[in-house]
Amino acid sequence: MTPSAWWCSSNYAVLELVKRQIGWAYLPASLVQPLVEQGDICKIDVAFDHKPWSAPVDLVFKKGAKRGPAYQWFFEALKNAFSATG
């Protein structure tokens, strides 16, 4: 493991970095299986604690916008939709 981590905006961007041997990543099997079979990339067998991972979802909203009751309810519902306790 390393203390250095990197983030990308898509699995395809991550895959490009992996293909250039810049690092390793967790990627969907359906995306990488053909490349593994061709020998372009390697599959690393790892073990880790299986815990629920939260989805990387952000809420984007205009600061200072008027928030009525429906907006506020919807905003709170979206914030809690992907939380472990929500």
N, C-alpha and C. Protein backbone atom coordinates (compact mmCIF):
# COMPACT_ATOMS: atom_id res chain seq x y z
N MET A 1 0.83 -1.18 0.00
CA MET A 1 0.00 0.00 0.00
C MET A 1 0.88 1.25 0.00
N THR A 2 0.28 2.32 -0.37
CA THR A 2 1.02 3.57 -0.45
C THR A 2 0.21 4.70 0.17
N PRO A 3 0.86 5.70 0.72
CA PRO A 3 0.11 6.85 1.22
C PRO A 3 -0.33 7.78 0.08
N SER A 4 0.20 7.55 -1.10
CA SER A 4 -0.17 8.38 -2.25
C SER A 4 -1.36 7.75 -2.97
N ALA A 5 -2.39 8.53 -3.15
CA ALA A 5 -3.57 8.05 -3.87
C ALA A 5 -3.90 9.06 -4.96
N TRP A 6 -4.53 8.57 -6.03
CA TRP A 6 -4.95 9.47 -7.09
C TRP A 6 -6.38 9.18 -7.45
N TRP A 7 -7.06 10.18 -7.97
CA TRP A 7 -8.47 10.08 -8.32
C TRP A 7 -8.64 10.51 -9.75
N CYS A 8 -9.63 9.94 -10.39
CA CYS A 8 -9.97 10.31 -11.77
C CYS A 8 -11.48 10.45 -11.87
N SER A 9 -11.91 11.07 -12.95
CA SER A 9 -13.33 11.33 -13.12
C SER A 9 -14.08 10.17 -13.75
N SER A 10 -13.37 9.13 -14.21
CA SER A 10 -14.07 8.00 -14.81
C SER A 10 -13.20 6.75 -14.73
N ASN A 11 -13.85 5.60 -14.86
CA ASN A 11 -13.10 4.34 -14.89
C ASN A 11 -12.18 4.27 -16.09
N TYR A 12 -12.58 4.90 -17.19
CA TYR A 12 -11.74 4.88 -18.38
C TYR A 12 -10.44 5.67 -18.18
N ALA A 13 -10.53 6.77 -17.45
CA ALA A 13 -9.32 7.55 -17.14
C ALA A 13 -8.40 6.74 -16.22
N VAL A 14 -8.98 6.06 -15.25
CA VAL A 14 -8.18 5.21 -14.36
C VAL A 14 -7.51 4.10 -15.15
N LEU A 15 -8.26 3.48 -16.05
CA LEU A 15 -7.71 2.40 -16.87
C LEU A 15 -6.53 2.88 -17.70
N GLU A 16 -6.60 4.07 -18.24
CA GLU A 16 -5.47 4.61 -19.03
C GLU A 16 -4.22 4.73 -18.17
N LEU A 17 -4.38 5.17 -16.92
CA LEU A 17 -3.22 5.26 -16.03
C LEU A 17 -2.66 3.88 -15.71
N VAL A 18 -3.54 2.92 -15.47
CA VAL A 18 -3.09 1.55 -15.18
C VAL A 18 -2.35 0.98 -16.39
N LYS A 19 -2.89 1.19 -17.58
CA LYS A 19 -2.25 0.68 -18.80
C LYS A 19 -0.86 1.27 -18.99
N ARG A 20 -0.65 2.48 -18.48
CA ARG A 20 0.67 3.12 -18.59
C ARG A 20 1.56 2.79 -17.39
N GLN A 21 1.10 1.86 -16.57
CA GLN A 21 1.83 1.38 -15.40
C GLN A 21 2.12 2.48 -14.38
N ILE A 22 1.18 3.39 -14.23
CA ILE A 22 1.34 4.48 -13.26
C ILE A 22 0.88 4.05 -11.88
N GLY A 23 0.02 3.04 -11.80
CA GLY A 23 -0.46 2.57 -10.51
C GLY A 23 -1.38 1.40 -10.69
N TRP A 24 -2.09 1.06 -9.63
CA TRP A 24 -3.07 -0.03 -9.69
C TRP A 24 -4.41 0.53 -9.24
N ALA A 25 -5.47 -0.20 -9.56
CA ALA A 25 -6.80 0.31 -9.23
C ALA A 25 -7.81 -0.81 -9.17
N TYR A 26 -8.92 -0.54 -8.51
CA TYR A 26 -10.08 -1.42 -8.57
C TYR A 26 -10.91 -0.95 -9.76
N LEU A 27 -11.14 -1.84 -10.70
CA LEU A 27 -11.93 -1.50 -11.88
C LEU A 27 -12.95 -2.61 -12.15
N PRO A 28 -14.05 -2.28 -12.80
CA PRO A 28 -15.05 -3.32 -13.10
C PRO A 28 -14.46 -4.41 -13.99
N ALA A 29 -14.75 -5.67 -13.63
CA ALA A 29 -14.23 -6.81 -14.40
C ALA A 29 -14.66 -6.73 -15.86
N SER A 30 -15.87 -6.28 -16.11
CA SER A 30 -16.35 -6.20 -17.50
C SER A 30 -15.51 -5.24 -18.34
N LEU A 31 -14.90 -4.27 -17.71
CA LEU A 31 -14.07 -3.30 -18.43
C LEU A 31 -12.67 -3.84 -18.70
N VAL A 32 -12.12 -4.58 -17.75
CA VAL A 32 -10.71 -4.99 -17.86
C VAL A 32 -10.49 -6.43 -18.31
N GLN A 33 -11.51 -7.28 -18.26
CA GLN A 33 -11.31 -8.70 -18.57
C GLN A 33 -10.65 -8.94 -19.92
N PRO A 34 -11.09 -8.26 -21.00
CA PRO A 34 -10.41 -8.48 -22.28
C PRO A 34 -8.93 -8.12 -22.24
N LEU A 35 -8.58 -7.07 -21.52
CA LEU A 35 -7.18 -6.65 -21.42
C LEU A 35 -6.36 -7.63 -20.60
N VAL A 36 -6.97 -8.22 -19.57
CA VAL A 36 -6.29 -9.24 -18.77
C VAL A 36 -6.04 -10.47 -19.63
N GLU A 37 -7.06 -10.88 -20.39
CA GLU A 37 -6.92 -12.06 -21.25
C GLU A 37 -5.86 -11.87 -22.33
N GLN A 38 -5.71 -10.63 -22.82
CA GLN A 38 -4.70 -10.34 -23.84
C GLN A 38 -3.31 -10.15 -23.24
N GLY A 39 -3.23 -10.04 -21.92
CA GLY A 39 -1.95 -9.83 -21.26
C GLY A 39 -1.51 -8.38 -21.23
N ASP A 40 -2.43 -7.46 -21.54
CA ASP A 40 -2.09 -6.04 -21.53
C ASP A 40 -1.99 -5.48 -20.11
N ILE A 41 -2.79 -6.02 -19.21
CA ILE A 41 -2.71 -5.65 -17.80
C ILE A 41 -2.80 -6.92 -16.97
N CYS A 42 -2.41 -6.82 -15.71
CA CYS A 42 -2.43 -7.98 -14.82
C CYS A 42 -3.52 -7.82 -13.77
N LYS A 43 -4.10 -8.93 -13.41
CA LYS A 43 -5.05 -8.96 -12.30
C LYS A 43 -4.27 -9.28 -11.04
N ILE A 44 -4.49 -8.47 -10.03
CA ILE A 44 -3.82 -8.68 -8.74
C ILE A 44 -4.87 -9.22 -7.77
N ASP A 45 -4.60 -10.39 -7.21
CA ASP A 45 -5.52 -10.95 -6.22
C ASP A 45 -5.23 -10.29 -4.88
N VAL A 46 -6.22 -9.60 -4.36
CA VAL A 46 -6.07 -8.92 -3.07
C VAL A 46 -7.19 -9.35 -2.14
N ALA A 47 -6.95 -9.22 -0.88
CA ALA A 47 -7.97 -9.48 0.12
C ALA A 47 -8.12 -8.23 0.98
N PHE A 48 -9.34 -7.89 1.31
CA PHE A 48 -9.59 -6.73 2.15
C PHE A 48 -10.89 -6.95 2.89
N ASP A 49 -11.12 -6.16 3.90
CA ASP A 49 -12.36 -6.26 4.66
C ASP A 49 -13.52 -5.86 3.76
N HIS A 50 -14.51 -6.68 3.70
CA HIS A 50 -15.68 -6.36 2.88
C HIS A 50 -16.63 -5.49 3.70
N LYS A 51 -16.62 -4.22 3.39
CA LYS A 51 -17.49 -3.26 4.06
C LYS A 51 -18.24 -2.51 2.98
N PRO A 52 -19.42 -2.05 3.29
CA PRO A 52 -20.15 -1.28 2.27
C PRO A 52 -19.41 0.02 1.96
N TRP A 53 -19.26 0.30 0.69
CA TRP A 53 -18.60 1.53 0.26
C TRP A 53 -19.67 2.51 -0.15
N SER A 54 -19.52 3.74 0.24
CA SER A 54 -20.49 4.74 -0.18
C SER A 54 -20.20 5.16 -1.62
N ALA A 55 -21.26 5.42 -2.32
CA ALA A 55 -21.12 5.84 -3.72
C ALA A 55 -20.55 7.25 -3.76
N PRO A 56 -19.64 7.53 -4.71
CA PRO A 56 -19.07 8.87 -4.80
C PRO A 56 -20.05 9.83 -5.48
N VAL A 57 -20.96 10.37 -4.71
CA VAL A 57 -21.98 11.26 -5.25
C VAL A 57 -21.84 12.61 -4.58
N ASP A 58 -21.87 13.66 -5.36
CA ASP A 58 -21.82 15.02 -4.83
C ASP A 58 -23.10 15.74 -5.21
N LEU A 59 -23.53 16.64 -4.35
CA LEU A 59 -24.64 17.52 -4.66
C LEU A 59 -24.08 18.86 -5.06
N VAL A 60 -24.51 19.35 -6.18
CA VAL A 60 -24.07 20.65 -6.66
C VAL A 60 -25.27 21.58 -6.63
N PHE A 61 -25.11 22.71 -5.97
CA PHE A 61 -26.22 23.64 -5.87
C PHE A 61 -25.67 25.06 -5.82
N LYS A 62 -26.53 25.99 -6.14
CA LYS A 62 -26.14 27.40 -6.15
C LYS A 62 -26.20 27.94 -4.72
N LYS A 63 -25.09 28.50 -4.26
CA LYS A 63 -25.07 29.08 -2.92
C LYS A 63 -25.97 30.31 -2.90
N GLY A 64 -26.68 30.46 -1.81
CA GLY A 64 -27.55 31.62 -1.63
C GLY A 64 -28.87 31.50 -2.36
N ALA A 65 -29.13 30.35 -2.99
CA ALA A 65 -30.39 30.17 -3.70
C ALA A 65 -31.54 30.09 -2.71
N LYS A 66 -32.71 30.55 -3.15
CA LYS A 66 -33.90 30.45 -2.32
C LYS A 66 -34.29 28.99 -2.16
N ARG A 67 -34.52 28.57 -0.93
CA ARG A 67 -34.85 27.16 -0.65
C ARG A 67 -36.22 27.08 0.02
N GLY A 68 -37.20 26.68 -0.75
CA GLY A 68 -38.53 26.47 -0.19
C GLY A 68 -38.62 25.12 0.49
N PRO A 69 -39.77 24.80 1.05
CA PRO A 69 -39.93 23.53 1.77
C PRO A 69 -39.70 22.30 0.89
N ALA A 70 -40.19 22.31 -0.34
CA ALA A 70 -40.01 21.17 -1.23
C ALA A 70 -38.53 21.01 -1.59
N TYR A 71 -37.86 22.11 -1.89
CA TYR A 71 -36.44 22.07 -2.22
C TYR A 71 -35.64 21.52 -1.04
N GLN A 72 -35.94 22.03 0.16
CA GLN A 72 -35.20 21.60 1.34
C GLN A 72 -35.41 20.12 1.60
N TRP A 73 -36.66 19.64 1.47
CA TRP A 73 -36.95 18.21 1.67
C TRP A 73 -36.18 17.37 0.65
N PHE A 74 -36.22 17.77 -0.62
CA PHE A 74 -35.54 17.03 -1.68
C PHE A 74 -34.03 17.02 -1.47
N PHE A 75 -33.48 18.17 -1.09
CA PHE A 75 -32.04 18.28 -0.83
C PHE A 75 -31.62 17.33 0.29
N GLU A 76 -32.37 17.31 1.39
CA GLU A 76 -32.05 16.43 2.51
C GLU A 76 -32.22 14.96 2.12
N ALA A 77 -33.24 14.66 1.32
CA ALA A 77 -33.46 13.27 0.87
C ALA A 77 -32.29 12.81 0.02
N LEU A 78 -31.79 13.66 -0.85
CA LEU A 78 -30.64 13.29 -1.69
C LEU A 78 -29.38 13.11 -0.86
N LYS A 79 -29.18 13.98 0.14
CA LYS A 79 -28.00 13.85 0.99
C LYS A 79 -28.01 12.52 1.74
N ASN A 80 -29.18 12.07 2.15
CA ASN A 80 -29.29 10.85 2.95
C ASN A 80 -29.47 9.58 2.11
N ALA A 81 -29.69 9.72 0.82
CA ALA A 81 -29.97 8.56 -0.02
C ALA A 81 -28.81 7.59 -0.07
N PHE A 82 -27.60 8.08 -0.01
CA PHE A 82 -26.42 7.22 -0.16
C PHE A 82 -25.61 7.08 1.12
N SER A 83 -26.11 7.60 2.22
CA SER A 83 -25.37 7.49 3.48
C SER A 83 -25.61 6.11 4.07
N ALA A 84 -24.65 5.63 4.85
CA ALA A 84 -24.74 4.30 5.47
C ALA A 84 -25.87 4.25 6.49
N THR A 85 -26.18 5.38 7.12
CA THR A 85 -27.20 5.39 8.15
C THR A 85 -28.51 5.96 7.63
N GLY A 86 -28.51 6.52 6.41
CA GLY A 86 -29.71 7.18 5.89
C GLY A 86 -30.70 6.24 5.45
